[in-house]
Amino acid sequence: MTRRGLDNEDFVVQIADALCTHGLRLPALIGLEAGRPLSLIGGQVLWLFQPLLGLVVSRELVGHAARLLEEPEALDELVDQLEARES
């Protein structure tokens, strides 16, 4: 597996942990499934606004989120992680 793949796996687990910790598992699942057709566009929008968002959060975080939205396999993994963590 490539280094980029490992980064995505780690990032997916961290995102799933954070969503579950804050009680956002179900809203995230609904949003991910409903927004799946637009995820590529969402990733491109994050790349476009990365310099501006970099003032609030790290640019690395924005880059990881953009790559996550652009890769259908990564989105599937995030959904699987969230579904596995039923409250």
C-alpha atoms as a PDB file:
ATOM      1  CA  MET A   1       0.000   0.000   0.000  1.00  0.00           C
ATOM      2  CA  THR A   2       1.252   3.476  -0.787  1.00  0.00           C
ATOM      3  CA  ARG A   3       2.125   6.051   1.814  1.00  0.00           C
ATOM      4  CA  ARG A   4      -0.825   8.135   0.619  1.00  0.00           C
ATOM      5  CA  GLY A   5      -3.121   5.172   1.281  1.00  0.00           C
ATOM      6  CA  LEU A   6      -1.786   4.818   4.808  1.00  0.00           C
ATOM      7  CA  ASP A   7      -2.347   8.517   5.409  1.00  0.00           C
ATOM      8  CA  ASN A   8      -5.933   8.179   4.224  1.00  0.00           C
ATOM      9  CA  GLU A   9      -6.567   5.158   6.452  1.00  0.00           C
ATOM     10  CA  ASP A  10      -5.240   6.990   9.500  1.00  0.00           C
ATOM     11  CA  PHE A  11      -7.206  10.111   8.612  1.00  0.00           C
ATOM     12  CA  VAL A  12     -10.422   8.127   8.113  1.00  0.00           C
ATOM     13  CA  VAL A  13     -10.044   6.519  11.539  1.00  0.00           C
ATOM     14  CA  GLN A  14      -9.356   9.893  13.162  1.00  0.00           C
ATOM     15  CA  ILE A  15     -12.391  11.468  11.486  1.00  0.00           C
ATOM     16  CA  ALA A  16     -14.627   8.546  12.501  1.00  0.00           C
ATOM     17  CA  ASP A  17     -13.354   8.783  16.093  1.00  0.00           C
ATOM     18  CA  ALA A  18     -13.987  12.536  16.233  1.00  0.00           C
ATOM     19  CA  LEU A  19     -17.489  12.255  14.769  1.00  0.00           C
ATOM     20  CA  CYS A  20     -18.454   9.502  17.199  1.00  0.00           C
ATOM     21  CA  THR A  21     -16.949  11.334  20.170  1.00  0.00           C
ATOM     22  CA  HIS A  22     -19.036  14.417  19.416  1.00  0.00           C
ATOM     23  CA  GLY A  23     -22.224  12.452  18.766  1.00  0.00           C
ATOM     24  CA  LEU A  24     -22.280  13.210  15.048  1.00  0.00           C
ATOM     25  CA  ARG A  25     -22.143   9.651  13.732  1.00  0.00           C
ATOM     26  CA  LEU A  26     -25.698   9.528  12.366  1.00  0.00           C
ATOM     27  CA  PRO A  27     -25.746  13.047  10.849  1.00  0.00           C
ATOM     28  CA  ALA A  28     -22.380  12.306   9.225  1.00  0.00           C
ATOM     29  CA  LEU A  29     -23.671   9.047   7.752  1.00  0.00           C
ATOM     30  CA  ILE A  30     -26.727  10.799   6.340  1.00  0.00           C
ATOM     31  CA  GLY A  31     -24.631  13.638   4.925  1.00  0.00           C
ATOM     32  CA  LEU A  32     -22.059  11.306   3.392  1.00  0.00           C
ATOM     33  CA  GLU A  33     -24.680   9.157   1.703  1.00  0.00           C
ATOM     34  CA  ALA A  34     -26.774  12.104   0.508  1.00  0.00           C
ATOM     35  CA  GLY A  35     -23.787  14.095  -0.699  1.00  0.00           C
ATOM     36  CA  ARG A  36     -21.884  11.239  -2.320  1.00  0.00           C
ATOM     37  CA  PRO A  37     -22.672  12.379  -5.910  1.00  0.00           C
ATOM     38  CA  LEU A  38     -21.195  15.813  -5.145  1.00  0.00           C
ATOM     39  CA  SER A  39     -18.160  14.659  -3.178  1.00  0.00           C
ATOM     40  CA  LEU A  40     -15.697  15.245  -6.035  1.00  0.00           C
ATOM     41  CA  ILE A  41     -16.919  18.817  -6.388  1.00  0.00           C
ATOM     42  CA  GLY A  42     -16.667  19.252  -2.610  1.00  0.00           C
ATOM     43  CA  GLY A  43     -13.042  18.103  -2.711  1.00  0.00           C
ATOM     44  CA  GLN A  44     -12.254  20.584  -5.478  1.00  0.00           C
ATOM     45  CA  VAL A  45     -13.915  23.395  -3.504  1.00  0.00           C
ATOM     46  CA  LEU A  46     -11.732  22.543  -0.503  1.00  0.00           C
ATOM     47  CA  TRP A  47      -8.623  22.780  -2.690  1.00  0.00           C
ATOM     48  CA  LEU A  48      -9.831  26.148  -3.978  1.00  0.00           C
ATOM     49  CA  PHE A  49     -10.394  27.557  -0.493  1.00  0.00           C
ATOM     50  CA  GLN A  50      -7.389  25.863   1.134  1.00  0.00           C
ATOM     51  CA  PRO A  51      -5.428  29.130   1.509  1.00  0.00           C
ATOM     52  CA  LEU A  52      -8.367  30.821   3.222  1.00  0.00           C
ATOM     53  CA  LEU A  53      -9.263  27.807   5.367  1.00  0.00           C
ATOM     54  CA  GLY A  54      -5.576  27.560   6.298  1.00  0.00           C
ATOM     55  CA  LEU A  55      -6.106  30.620   8.469  1.00  0.00           C
ATOM     56  CA  VAL A  56      -8.540  28.668  10.653  1.00  0.00           C
ATOM     57  CA  VAL A  57      -7.285  25.056  10.468  1.00  0.00           C
ATOM     58  CA  SER A  58      -4.058  23.540   9.210  1.00  0.00           C
ATOM     59  CA  ARG A  59      -3.600  23.317   5.459  1.00  0.00           C
ATOM     60  CA  GLU A  60      -2.621  19.687   5.909  1.00  0.00           C
ATOM     61  CA  LEU A  61      -6.042  18.932   7.419  1.00  0.00           C
ATOM     62  CA  VAL A  62      -7.789  20.661   4.521  1.00  0.00           C
ATOM     63  CA  GLY A  63      -5.663  18.683   2.057  1.00  0.00           C
ATOM     64  CA  HIS A  64      -6.515  15.389   3.740  1.00  0.00           C
ATOM     65  CA  ALA A  65     -10.213  16.253   3.722  1.00  0.00           C
ATOM     66  CA  ALA A  66     -10.068  17.201   0.029  1.00  0.00           C
ATOM     67  CA  ARG A  67      -8.340  13.932  -0.891  1.00  0.00           C
ATOM     68  CA  LEU A  68     -10.871  12.009   1.186  1.00  0.00           C
ATOM     69  CA  LEU A  69     -13.753  13.575  -0.723  1.00  0.00           C
ATOM     70  CA  GLU A  70     -12.085  12.930  -4.079  1.00  0.00           C
ATOM     71  CA  GLU A  71     -11.547   9.201  -3.490  1.00  0.00           C
ATOM     72  CA  PRO A  72     -14.702   7.041  -3.488  1.00  0.00           C
ATOM     73  CA  GLU A  73     -12.860   4.195  -1.726  1.00  0.00           C
ATOM     74  CA  ALA A  74     -11.903   6.491   1.143  1.00  0.00           C
ATOM     75  CA  LEU A  75     -15.511   7.661   1.503  1.00  0.00           C
ATOM     76  CA  ASP A  76     -16.650   4.031   1.535  1.00  0.00           C
ATOM     77  CA  GLU A  77     -14.117   3.305   4.282  1.00  0.00           C
ATOM     78  CA  LEU A  78     -15.339   6.258   6.351  1.00  0.00           C
ATOM     79  CA  VAL A  79     -18.949   5.095   6.002  1.00  0.00           C
ATOM     80  CA  ASP A  80     -17.894   1.559   6.977  1.00  0.00           C
ATOM     81  CA  GLN A  81     -16.018   2.878  10.019  1.00  0.00           C
ATOM     82  CA  LEU A  82     -19.045   4.910  11.133  1.00  0.00           C
ATOM     83  CA  GLU A  83     -21.479   2.049  10.585  1.00  0.00           C
ATOM     84  CA  ALA A  84     -19.251  -0.266  12.629  1.00  0.00           C
ATOM     85  CA  ARG A  85     -19.392   2.114  15.589  1.00  0.00           C
ATOM     86  CA  GLU A  86     -23.076   1.978  16.428  1.00  0.00           C
ATOM     87  CA  SER A  87     -23.866   3.846  19.618  1.00  0.00           C
END
